[in-house]
Amino acid sequence: MRYVPKLMTPAPIKNDVDALAEALRLAIIAPTEETHNMALDIARDFAAGMTNRQVQKAKRIAFKATA
């Protein structure tokens, strides 16, 4: 049985930046390499359609949420 992390966002996901931040947060807290890689794949998909500024903002949000 695969582990699926519970989505526990500090705030509702309202836009692409929030979605990327949540995917990054899940990658950071993932208990296994498999779930880490799954979250990173999702994050990469979101980031592909975003500007560098949006990606940097999402990174700041994700790191702050895990601190």
PDB file of N, CA and C in Angstrom:
ATOM      1  N   MET A   1       0.844  -1.183   0.000  1.00  0.00           N
ATOM      2  CA  MET A   1       0.000   0.000   0.000  1.00  0.00           C
ATOM      3  C   MET A   1       0.887   1.243   0.000  1.00  0.00           C
ATOM      4  N   ARG A   2       0.579   2.176  -0.884  1.00  0.00           N
ATOM      5  CA  ARG A   2       1.367   3.403  -0.992  1.00  0.00           C
ATOM      6  C   ARG A   2       0.910   4.433   0.022  1.00  0.00           C
ATOM      7  N   TYR A   3       1.885   5.172   0.552  1.00  0.00           N
ATOM      8  CA  TYR A   3       1.596   6.267   1.461  1.00  0.00           C
ATOM      9  C   TYR A   3       1.174   7.485   0.656  1.00  0.00           C
ATOM     10  N   VAL A   4       0.058   8.066   1.020  1.00  0.00           N
ATOM     11  CA  VAL A   4      -0.399   9.293   0.376  1.00  0.00           C
ATOM     12  C   VAL A   4      -0.479  10.348   1.459  1.00  0.00           C
ATOM     13  N   PRO A   5       0.369  11.386   1.391  1.00  0.00           N
ATOM     14  CA  PRO A   5       0.369  12.389   2.447  1.00  0.00           C
ATOM     15  C   PRO A   5      -0.936  13.160   2.490  1.00  0.00           C
ATOM     16  N   LYS A   6      -1.374  13.446   3.690  1.00  0.00           N
ATOM     17  CA  LYS A   6      -2.593  14.221   3.869  1.00  0.00           C
ATOM     18  C   LYS A   6      -2.311  15.671   3.489  1.00  0.00           C
ATOM     19  N   LEU A   7      -3.211  16.241   2.726  1.00  0.00           N
ATOM     20  CA  LEU A   7      -3.059  17.628   2.306  1.00  0.00           C
ATOM     21  C   LEU A   7      -3.462  18.528   3.461  1.00  0.00           C
ATOM     22  N   MET A   8      -2.479  19.158   4.070  1.00  0.00           N
ATOM     23  CA  MET A   8      -2.739  20.024   5.220  1.00  0.00           C
ATOM     24  C   MET A   8      -2.185  21.409   4.924  1.00  0.00           C
ATOM     25  N   THR A   9      -2.902  22.149   4.143  1.00  0.00           N
ATOM     26  CA  THR A   9      -2.420  23.468   3.756  1.00  0.00           C
ATOM     27  C   THR A   9      -2.722  24.471   4.855  1.00  0.00           C
ATOM     28  N   PRO A  10      -1.817  25.421   5.052  1.00  0.00           N
ATOM     29  CA  PRO A  10      -2.079  26.474   6.021  1.00  0.00           C
ATOM     30  C   PRO A  10      -3.220  27.387   5.568  1.00  0.00           C
ATOM     31  N   ALA A  11      -3.467  27.441   4.278  1.00  0.00           N
ATOM     32  CA  ALA A  11      -4.539  28.261   3.710  1.00  0.00           C
ATOM     33  C   ALA A  11      -5.054  27.558   2.452  1.00  0.00           C
ATOM     34  N   PRO A  12      -6.263  27.860   2.054  1.00  0.00           N
ATOM     35  CA  PRO A  12      -6.792  27.234   0.829  1.00  0.00           C
ATOM     36  C   PRO A  12      -5.937  27.579  -0.396  1.00  0.00           C
ATOM     37  N   ILE A  13      -5.883  26.650  -1.331  1.00  0.00           N
ATOM     38  CA  ILE A  13      -5.146  26.885  -2.575  1.00  0.00           C
ATOM     39  C   ILE A  13      -6.030  27.730  -3.481  1.00  0.00           C
ATOM     40  N   LYS A  14      -5.537  28.931  -3.804  1.00  0.00           N
ATOM     41  CA  LYS A  14      -6.326  29.881  -4.589  1.00  0.00           C
ATOM     42  C   LYS A  14      -5.780  30.091  -5.991  1.00  0.00           C
ATOM     43  N   ASN A  15      -4.506  29.732  -6.207  1.00  0.00           N
ATOM     44  CA  ASN A  15      -3.886  30.025  -7.497  1.00  0.00           C
ATOM     45  C   ASN A  15      -2.708  29.080  -7.732  1.00  0.00           C
ATOM     46  N   ASP A  16      -2.033  29.257  -8.850  1.00  0.00           N
ATOM     47  CA  ASP A  16      -0.911  28.387  -9.214  1.00  0.00           C
ATOM     48  C   ASP A  16       0.254  28.491  -8.235  1.00  0.00           C
ATOM     49  N   VAL A  17       0.506  29.683  -7.729  1.00  0.00           N
ATOM     50  CA  VAL A  17       1.613  29.857  -6.774  1.00  0.00           C
ATOM     51  C   VAL A  17       1.325  29.043  -5.511  1.00  0.00           C
ATOM     52  N   ASP A  18       0.097  29.103  -5.023  1.00  0.00           N
ATOM     53  CA  ASP A  18      -0.275  28.320  -3.844  1.00  0.00           C
ATOM     54  C   ASP A  18      -0.151  26.818  -4.122  1.00  0.00           C
ATOM     55  N   ALA A  19      -0.564  26.403  -5.299  1.00  0.00           N
ATOM     56  CA  ALA A  19      -0.486  24.978  -5.657  1.00  0.00           C
ATOM     57  C   ALA A  19       0.967  24.508  -5.714  1.00  0.00           C
ATOM     58  N   LEU A  20       1.831  25.303  -6.312  1.00  0.00           N
ATOM     59  CA  LEU A  20       3.243  24.945  -6.368  1.00  0.00           C
ATOM     60  C   LEU A  20       3.850  24.931  -4.971  1.00  0.00           C
ATOM     61  N   ALA A  21       3.512  25.907  -4.163  1.00  0.00           N
ATOM     62  CA  ALA A  21       4.035  25.957  -2.793  1.00  0.00           C
ATOM     63  C   ALA A  21       3.628  24.705  -2.020  1.00  0.00           C
ATOM     64  N   GLU A  22       2.405  24.264  -2.179  1.00  0.00           N
ATOM     65  CA  GLU A  22       1.942  23.064  -1.482  1.00  0.00           C
ATOM     66  C   GLU A  22       2.666  21.820  -1.992  1.00  0.00           C
ATOM     67  N   ALA A  23       2.866  21.705  -3.290  1.00  0.00           N
ATOM     68  CA  ALA A  23       3.606  20.565  -3.840  1.00  0.00           C
ATOM     69  C   ALA A  23       5.038  20.550  -3.313  1.00  0.00           C
ATOM     70  N   LEU A  24       5.663  21.713  -3.242  1.00  0.00           N
ATOM     71  CA  LEU A  24       7.021  21.803  -2.704  1.00  0.00           C
ATOM     72  C   LEU A  24       7.052  21.456  -1.221  1.00  0.00           C
ATOM     73  N   ARG A  25       6.067  21.934  -0.475  1.00  0.00           N
ATOM     74  CA  ARG A  25       5.988  21.625   0.956  1.00  0.00           C
ATOM     75  C   ARG A  25       5.860  20.122   1.168  1.00  0.00           C
ATOM     76  N   LEU A  26       5.013  19.492   0.360  1.00  0.00           N
ATOM     77  CA  LEU A  26       4.845  18.045   0.474  1.00  0.00           C
ATOM     78  C   LEU A  26       6.139  17.310   0.128  1.00  0.00           C
ATOM     79  N   ALA A  27       6.872  17.818  -0.842  1.00  0.00           N
ATOM     80  CA  ALA A  27       8.158  17.199  -1.191  1.00  0.00           C
ATOM     81  C   ALA A  27       9.149  17.325  -0.035  1.00  0.00           C
ATOM     82  N   ILE A  28       9.130  18.452   0.649  1.00  0.00           N
ATOM     83  CA  ILE A  28      10.048  18.679   1.762  1.00  0.00           C
ATOM     84  C   ILE A  28       9.742  17.748   2.933  1.00  0.00           C
ATOM     85  N   ILE A  29       8.467  17.553   3.235  1.00  0.00           N
ATOM     86  CA  ILE A  29       8.095  16.756   4.411  1.00  0.00           C
ATOM     87  C   ILE A  29       7.840  15.293   4.098  1.00  0.00           C
ATOM     88  N   ALA A  30       7.992  14.893   2.860  1.00  0.00           N
ATOM     89  CA  ALA A  30       7.702  13.508   2.461  1.00  0.00           C
ATOM     90  C   ALA A  30       8.522  12.522   3.295  1.00  0.00           C
ATOM     91  N   PRO A  31       7.865  11.490   3.802  1.00  0.00           N
ATOM     92  CA  PRO A  31       8.572  10.524   4.654  1.00  0.00           C
ATOM     93  C   PRO A  31       9.423   9.514   3.883  1.00  0.00           C
ATOM     94  N   THR A  32       9.176   9.384   2.591  1.00  0.00           N
ATOM     95  CA  THR A  32       9.950   8.422   1.798  1.00  0.00           C
ATOM     96  C   THR A  32      10.437   9.092   0.524  1.00  0.00           C
ATOM     97  N   GLU A  33      11.437   8.481  -0.077  1.00  0.00           N
ATOM     98  CA  GLU A  33      11.954   9.002  -1.343  1.00  0.00           C
ATOM     99  C   GLU A  33      10.890   8.929  -2.433  1.00  0.00           C
ATOM    100  N   GLU A  34      10.066   7.887  -2.392  1.00  0.00           N
ATOM    101  CA  GLU A  34       9.014   7.723  -3.395  1.00  0.00           C
ATOM    102  C   GLU A  34       8.001   8.873  -3.337  1.00  0.00           C
ATOM    103  N   THR A  35       7.536   9.205  -2.139  1.00  0.00           N
ATOM    104  CA  THR A  35       6.565  10.300  -2.035  1.00  0.00           C
ATOM    105  C   THR A  35       7.221  11.649  -2.317  1.00  0.00           C
ATOM    106  N   HIS A  36       8.492  11.773  -1.943  1.00  0.00           N
ATOM    107  CA  HIS A  36       9.245  12.992  -2.267  1.00  0.00           C
ATOM    108  C   HIS A  36       9.287  13.187  -3.786  1.00  0.00           C
ATOM    109  N   ASN A  37       9.620  12.122  -4.498  1.00  0.00           N
ATOM    110  CA  ASN A  37       9.703  12.207  -5.961  1.00  0.00           C
ATOM    111  C   ASN A  37       8.349  12.472  -6.601  1.00  0.00           C
ATOM    112  N   MET A  38       7.291  11.894  -6.049  1.00  0.00           N
ATOM    113  CA  MET A  38       5.943  12.146  -6.572  1.00  0.00           C
ATOM    114  C   MET A  38       5.594  13.625  -6.435  1.00  0.00           C
ATOM    115  N   ALA A  39       5.860  14.191  -5.271  1.00  0.00           N
ATOM    116  CA  ALA A  39       5.565  15.606  -5.041  1.00  0.00           C
ATOM    117  C   ALA A  39       6.417  16.498  -5.930  1.00  0.00           C
ATOM    118  N   LEU A  40       7.677  16.132  -6.120  1.00  0.00           N
ATOM    119  CA  LEU A  40       8.544  16.921  -7.003  1.00  0.00           C
ATOM    120  C   LEU A  40       8.061  16.886  -8.448  1.00  0.00           C
ATOM    121  N   ASP A  41       7.583  15.734  -8.902  1.00  0.00           N
ATOM    122  CA  ASP A  41       7.037  15.642 -10.262  1.00  0.00           C
ATOM    123  C   ASP A  41       5.855  16.593 -10.434  1.00  0.00           C
ATOM    124  N   ILE A  42       4.998  16.623  -9.436  1.00  0.00           N
ATOM    125  CA  ILE A  42       3.845  17.535  -9.479  1.00  0.00           C
ATOM    126  C   ILE A  42       4.330  18.980  -9.483  1.00  0.00           C
ATOM    127  N   ALA A  43       5.297  19.282  -8.623  1.00  0.00           N
ATOM    128  CA  ALA A  43       5.838  20.645  -8.552  1.00  0.00           C
ATOM    129  C   ALA A  43       6.447  21.066  -9.879  1.00  0.00           C
ATOM    130  N   ARG A  44       7.178  20.166 -10.506  1.00  0.00           N
ATOM    131  CA  ARG A  44       7.785  20.492 -11.806  1.00  0.00           C
ATOM    132  C   ARG A  44       6.711  20.789 -12.853  1.00  0.00           C
ATOM    133  N   ASP A  45       5.629  20.024 -12.826  1.00  0.00           N
ATOM    134  CA  ASP A  45       4.537  20.263 -13.774  1.00  0.00           C
ATOM    135  C   ASP A  45       3.932  21.651 -13.569  1.00  0.00           C
ATOM    136  N   PHE A  46       3.701  22.023 -12.311  1.00  0.00           N
ATOM    137  CA  PHE A  46       3.169  23.363 -12.033  1.00  0.00           C
ATOM    138  C   PHE A  46       4.162  24.438 -12.466  1.00  0.00           C
ATOM    139  N   ALA A  47       5.423  24.272 -12.108  1.00  0.00           N
ATOM    140  CA  ALA A  47       6.434  25.299 -12.367  1.00  0.00           C
ATOM    141  C   ALA A  47       6.682  25.513 -13.853  1.00  0.00           C
ATOM    142  N   ALA A  48       6.459  24.501 -14.656  1.00  0.00           N
ATOM    143  CA  ALA A  48       6.733  24.606 -16.093  1.00  0.00           C
ATOM    144  C   ALA A  48       5.932  25.731 -16.750  1.00  0.00           C
ATOM    145  N   GLY A  49       4.763  26.022 -16.233  1.00  0.00           N
ATOM    146  CA  GLY A  49       3.930  27.058 -16.837  1.00  0.00           C
ATOM    147  C   GLY A  49       3.951  28.374 -16.091  1.00  0.00           C
ATOM    148  N   MET A  50       4.926  28.551 -15.217  1.00  0.00           N
ATOM    149  CA  MET A  50       4.957  29.750 -14.388  1.00  0.00           C
ATOM    150  C   MET A  50       6.196  30.588 -14.670  1.00  0.00           C
ATOM    151  N   THR A  51       6.124  31.845 -14.282  1.00  0.00           N
ATOM    152  CA  THR A  51       7.284  32.726 -14.422  1.00  0.00           C
ATOM    153  C   THR A  51       8.280  32.435 -13.307  1.00  0.00           C
ATOM    154  N   ASN A  52       9.521  32.872 -13.489  1.00  0.00           N
ATOM    155  CA  ASN A  52      10.543  32.698 -12.461  1.00  0.00           C
ATOM    156  C   ASN A  52      10.119  33.386 -11.160  1.00  0.00           C
ATOM    157  N   ARG A  53       9.516  34.533 -11.278  1.00  0.00           N
ATOM    158  CA  ARG A  53       9.073  35.277 -10.091  1.00  0.00           C
ATOM    159  C   ARG A  53       8.026  34.480  -9.308  1.00  0.00           C
ATOM    160  N   GLN A  54       7.079  33.862 -10.025  1.00  0.00           N
ATOM    161  CA  GLN A  54       6.057  33.049  -9.362  1.00  0.00           C
ATOM    162  C   GLN A  54       6.682  31.839  -8.666  1.00  0.00           C
ATOM    163  N   VAL A  55       7.645  31.207  -9.332  1.00  0.00           N
ATOM    164  CA  VAL A  55       8.306  30.031  -8.750  1.00  0.00           C
ATOM    165  C   VAL A  55       9.070  30.436  -7.486  1.00  0.00           C
ATOM    166  N   GLN A  56       9.785  31.540  -7.535  1.00  0.00           N
ATOM    167  CA  GLN A  56      10.523  31.995  -6.363  1.00  0.00           C
ATOM    168  C   GLN A  56       9.588  32.312  -5.199  1.00  0.00           C
ATOM    169  N   LYS A  57       8.449  32.905  -5.492  1.00  0.00           N
ATOM    170  CA  LYS A  57       7.461  33.205  -4.447  1.00  0.00           C
ATOM    171  C   LYS A  57       6.940  31.916  -3.834  1.00  0.00           C
ATOM    172  N   ALA A  58       6.646  30.923  -4.667  1.00  0.00           N
ATOM    173  CA  ALA A  58       6.164  29.632  -4.169  1.00  0.00           C
ATOM    174  C   ALA A  58       7.208  28.960  -3.287  1.00  0.00           C
ATOM    175  N   LYS A  59       8.470  29.054  -3.676  1.00  0.00           N
ATOM    176  CA  LYS A  59       9.553  28.478  -2.861  1.00  0.00           C
ATOM    177  C   LYS A  59       9.590  29.128  -1.486  1.00  0.00           C
ATOM    178  N   ARG A  60       9.491  30.454  -1.451  1.00  0.00           N
ATOM    179  CA  ARG A  60       9.511  31.159  -0.161  1.00  0.00           C
ATOM    180  C   ARG A  60       8.352  30.718   0.728  1.00  0.00           C
ATOM    181  N   ILE A  61       7.176  30.587   0.135  1.00  0.00           N
ATOM    182  CA  ILE A  61       6.005  30.156   0.893  1.00  0.00           C
ATOM    183  C   ILE A  61       6.209  28.745   1.434  1.00  0.00           C
ATOM    184  N   ALA A  62       6.697  27.843   0.591  1.00  0.00           N
ATOM    185  CA  ALA A  62       6.884  26.445   0.998  1.00  0.00           C
ATOM    186  C   ALA A  62       7.908  26.322   2.117  1.00  0.00           C
ATOM    187  N   PHE A  63       9.040  27.010   1.975  1.00  0.00           N
ATOM    188  CA  PHE A  63      10.075  26.917   3.004  1.00  0.00           C
ATOM    189  C   PHE A  63       9.608  27.525   4.317  1.00  0.00           C
ATOM    190  N   LYS A  64       8.865  28.614   4.232  1.00  0.00           N
ATOM    191  CA  LYS A  64       8.333  29.244   5.443  1.00  0.00           C
ATOM    192  C   LYS A  64       7.342  28.306   6.140  1.00  0.00           C
ATOM    193  N   ALA A  65       6.543  27.591   5.367  1.00  0.00           N
ATOM    194  CA  ALA A  65       5.541  26.682   5.942  1.00  0.00           C
ATOM    195  C   ALA A  65       6.167  25.472   6.617  1.00  0.00           C
ATOM    196  N   THR A  66       7.398  25.142   6.250  1.00  0.00           N
ATOM    197  CA  THR A  66       8.038  23.959   6.834  1.00  0.00           C
ATOM    198  C   THR A  66       9.034  24.327   7.933  1.00  0.00           C
ATOM    199  N   ALA A  67       9.238  25.597   8.144  1.00  0.00           N
ATOM    200  CA  ALA A  67      10.223  26.037   9.161  1.00  0.00           C
ATOM    201  C   ALA A  67       9.691  25.853  10.564  1.00  0.00           C
TER     202      ALA A  67
END
